[in-house]
């Protein structure tokens, strides 16, 4: 990761901390911000444009994000809870009836594809802040992303 992207992730993490310190807590907003950090990191390292391409690159290449996930350097308890909401449907109009599952929280590709499906459903208008299941999915995914991105970012800068 280049220094500019590293600094941006640091600044966004600081922004999130400031908001939490001020009592602001919105699982949808924080999911957006943590996913933005992940996307910036993967975009910078992969050099790819498309979201699907970047996910394929992330699960197939070696890197600090994958290493930190595999090395159990952070608490993955949110994934245990997130797994209880599996499977989730791909809510795009031409993909209804397609589901993404999360059976093994130690399987990097399964976890990434599950988080990515949550992101896709949210970013394309199929998640509602009024829906309890959607709120839980986004909240647990956000908590996982927070721990993973923060741990990987600290590792990168050590």
Protein backbone atom coordinates (compact mmCIF):
# COMPACT_ATOMS: atom_id res chain seq x y z
CA UNK A 1 0.00 0.00 0.00
CA UNK A 2 1.33 3.45 -0.82
CA UNK A 3 1.73 6.20 1.77
CA UNK A 4 -1.24 8.24 0.53
CA UNK A 5 -3.67 5.33 0.93
CA UNK A 6 -2.10 4.46 4.29
CA UNK A 7 -2.67 8.03 5.50
CA UNK A 8 -6.26 8.07 4.20
CA UNK A 9 -7.09 4.87 6.09
CA UNK A 10 -5.49 6.35 9.21
CA UNK A 11 -7.57 9.53 8.84
CA UNK A 12 -10.84 7.64 8.26
CA UNK A 13 -10.16 5.45 11.28
CA UNK A 14 -9.61 8.64 13.30
CA UNK A 15 -12.85 10.12 11.99
CA UNK A 16 -14.75 7.01 13.09
CA UNK A 17 -13.15 7.17 16.54
CA UNK A 18 -14.08 10.85 16.87
CA UNK A 19 -17.68 10.13 15.93
CA UNK A 20 -17.89 7.28 18.43
CA UNK A 21 -16.36 9.49 21.13
CA UNK A 22 -19.10 12.04 20.44
CA UNK A 23 -21.78 9.37 20.89
CA UNK A 24 -22.60 8.90 17.20
CA UNK A 25 -23.22 5.24 16.45
CA UNK A 26 -24.82 4.16 13.20
CA UNK A 27 -23.99 0.67 11.96
CA UNK A 28 -24.80 1.55 8.33
CA UNK A 29 -22.58 4.63 8.32
CA UNK A 30 -19.67 2.81 9.95
CA UNK A 31 -20.02 -0.11 7.54
CA UNK A 32 -19.70 2.36 4.65
CA UNK A 33 -16.58 3.88 6.15
CA UNK A 34 -14.84 0.60 7.00
CA UNK A 35 -15.72 -0.88 3.63
CA UNK A 36 -14.34 2.27 2.02
CA UNK A 37 -11.04 1.68 3.86
CA UNK A 38 -10.96 -1.94 2.68
CA UNK A 39 -11.77 -0.91 -0.88
CA UNK A 40 -9.09 1.80 -0.90
CA UNK A 41 -6.50 -0.70 0.37
CA UNK A 42 -7.43 -3.40 -2.14
CA UNK A 43 -7.71 -0.92 -5.03
CA UNK A 44 -4.26 0.45 -4.23
CA UNK A 45 -2.59 -2.94 -3.95
CA UNK A 46 -4.38 -4.61 -6.87
CA UNK A 47 -4.49 -1.72 -9.32
CA UNK A 48 -7.93 -2.95 -10.41
CA UNK A 49 -11.10 -0.95 -11.04
CA UNK A 50 -14.07 -3.30 -10.79
CA UNK A 51 -15.43 -4.34 -7.41
CA UNK A 52 -15.80 -8.00 -8.41
CA UNK A 53 -12.27 -8.01 -9.83
CA UNK A 54 -10.89 -6.60 -6.60
CA UNK A 55 -12.65 -9.26 -4.51
CA UNK A 56 -11.30 -12.03 -6.76
CA UNK A 57 -7.82 -10.51 -6.41
CA UNK A 58 -8.14 -10.24 -2.61
CA UNK A 59 -9.09 -13.88 -2.12
CA UNK A 60 -6.45 -15.19 -4.55
CA UNK A 61 -3.38 -13.10 -3.71
CA UNK A 62 -1.07 -13.07 -0.72
CA UNK A 63 -1.00 -9.90 1.34
CA UNK A 64 -1.18 -8.40 4.78
CA UNK A 65 -5.00 -8.39 4.87
CA UNK A 66 -5.07 -12.11 4.21
CA UNK A 67 -2.15 -12.77 6.57
CA UNK A 68 -3.76 -10.91 9.48
CA UNK A 69 -7.00 -12.81 8.93
CA UNK A 70 -5.17 -16.17 8.88
CA UNK A 71 -2.91 -15.40 11.84
CA UNK A 72 -5.88 -14.90 14.19
CA UNK A 73 -4.47 -11.58 15.32
CA UNK A 74 -7.90 -10.24 16.20
CA UNK A 75 -11.16 -11.41 17.73
CA UNK A 76 -13.50 -12.97 15.16
CA UNK A 77 -16.48 -13.44 17.48
CA UNK A 78 -18.62 -11.17 15.29
CA UNK A 79 -18.21 -13.70 12.48
CA UNK A 80 -19.72 -16.41 14.68
CA UNK A 81 -22.82 -14.24 15.09
CA UNK A 82 -22.78 -13.16 11.44
CA UNK A 83 -22.79 -16.81 10.36
CA UNK A 84 -26.21 -17.27 11.99
CA UNK A 85 -27.68 -14.93 9.34
CA UNK A 86 -26.39 -17.04 6.45
CA UNK A 87 -27.24 -17.48 3.69
CA UNK A 88 -27.99 -14.06 2.23
CA UNK A 89 -29.64 -13.50 -1.09
CA UNK A 90 -28.10 -11.55 -3.95
CA UNK A 91 -30.74 -8.84 -4.26
CA UNK A 92 -29.84 -7.59 -7.74
CA UNK A 93 -32.85 -7.97 -10.07
CA UNK A 94 -31.29 -10.61 -12.33
CA UNK A 95 -29.76 -12.58 -9.43
CA UNK A 96 -32.74 -13.13 -7.14
CA UNK A 97 -32.64 -16.68 -5.85
CA UNK A 98 -28.81 -16.74 -5.77
CA UNK A 99 -27.45 -17.03 -2.23
CA UNK A 100 -24.07 -16.51 -0.60
CA UNK A 101 -23.35 -18.69 2.40
CA UNK A 102 -20.99 -18.48 5.34
CA UNK A 103 -20.37 -21.91 6.80
CA UNK A 104 -16.75 -21.66 7.91
CA UNK A 105 -15.60 -18.42 9.56
CA UNK A 106 -11.96 -19.48 9.09
CA UNK A 107 -12.40 -19.66 5.31
CA UNK A 108 -11.13 -16.30 4.06
CA UNK A 109 -12.89 -16.50 0.71
CA UNK A 110 -16.27 -17.37 2.28
CA UNK A 111 -16.00 -14.51 4.74
CA UNK A 112 -14.95 -11.98 2.09
CA UNK A 113 -17.67 -13.03 -0.35
CA UNK A 114 -20.30 -12.89 2.43
CA UNK A 115 -19.20 -9.38 3.50
CA UNK A 116 -19.06 -8.35 -0.16
CA UNK A 117 -22.65 -9.54 -0.70
CA UNK A 118 -23.79 -7.48 2.28
CA UNK A 119 -21.99 -4.52 0.71
CA UNK A 120 -23.57 -5.13 -2.69
CA UNK A 121 -27.06 -5.42 -1.26
CA UNK A 122 -26.56 -2.27 0.81
CA UNK A 123 -24.90 -0.18 -1.91
CA UNK A 124 -27.51 -1.16 -4.49
CA UNK A 125 -30.52 -0.29 -2.34
CA UNK A 126 -31.61 -3.63 -0.92
CA UNK A 127 -30.87 -3.07 2.78
CA UNK A 128 -33.09 -1.01 5.04
CA UNK A 129 -32.24 0.67 8.34
CA UNK A 130 -35.81 -0.18 9.40
CA UNK A 131 -35.27 -3.92 8.92
CA UNK A 132 -33.90 -5.62 12.06
CA UNK A 133 -32.20 -8.43 10.12
CA UNK A 134 -30.50 -5.91 7.81
CA UNK A 135 -29.37 -3.82 10.79
CA UNK A 136 -27.89 -6.92 12.46
CA UNK A 137 -26.11 -8.05 9.28
CA UNK A 138 -24.60 -4.63 8.68
CA UNK A 139 -23.70 -4.12 12.35
CA UNK A 140 -21.88 -7.45 12.68
CA UNK A 141 -20.13 -6.99 9.34
CA UNK A 142 -19.08 -3.50 10.41
CA UNK A 143 -17.69 -4.76 13.71
CA UNK A 144 -15.71 -7.46 11.90
CA UNK A 145 -14.35 -4.97 9.35
CA UNK A 146 -13.36 -2.59 12.16
CA UNK A 147 -11.31 -5.22 13.98
CA UNK A 148 -9.76 -6.65 10.81
CA UNK A 149 -8.89 -3.33 9.13
CA UNK A 150 -7.53 -1.83 12.35
CA UNK A 151 -5.40 -4.89 13.10
CA UNK A 152 -4.06 -5.06 9.52
CA UNK A 153 -3.43 -1.31 9.44
CA UNK A 154 -1.50 -1.44 12.70
CA UNK A 155 0.46 -4.43 11.41
CA UNK A 156 1.24 -2.59 8.17
CA UNK A 157 2.58 0.39 10.10
CA UNK A 158 4.66 -1.57 12.62
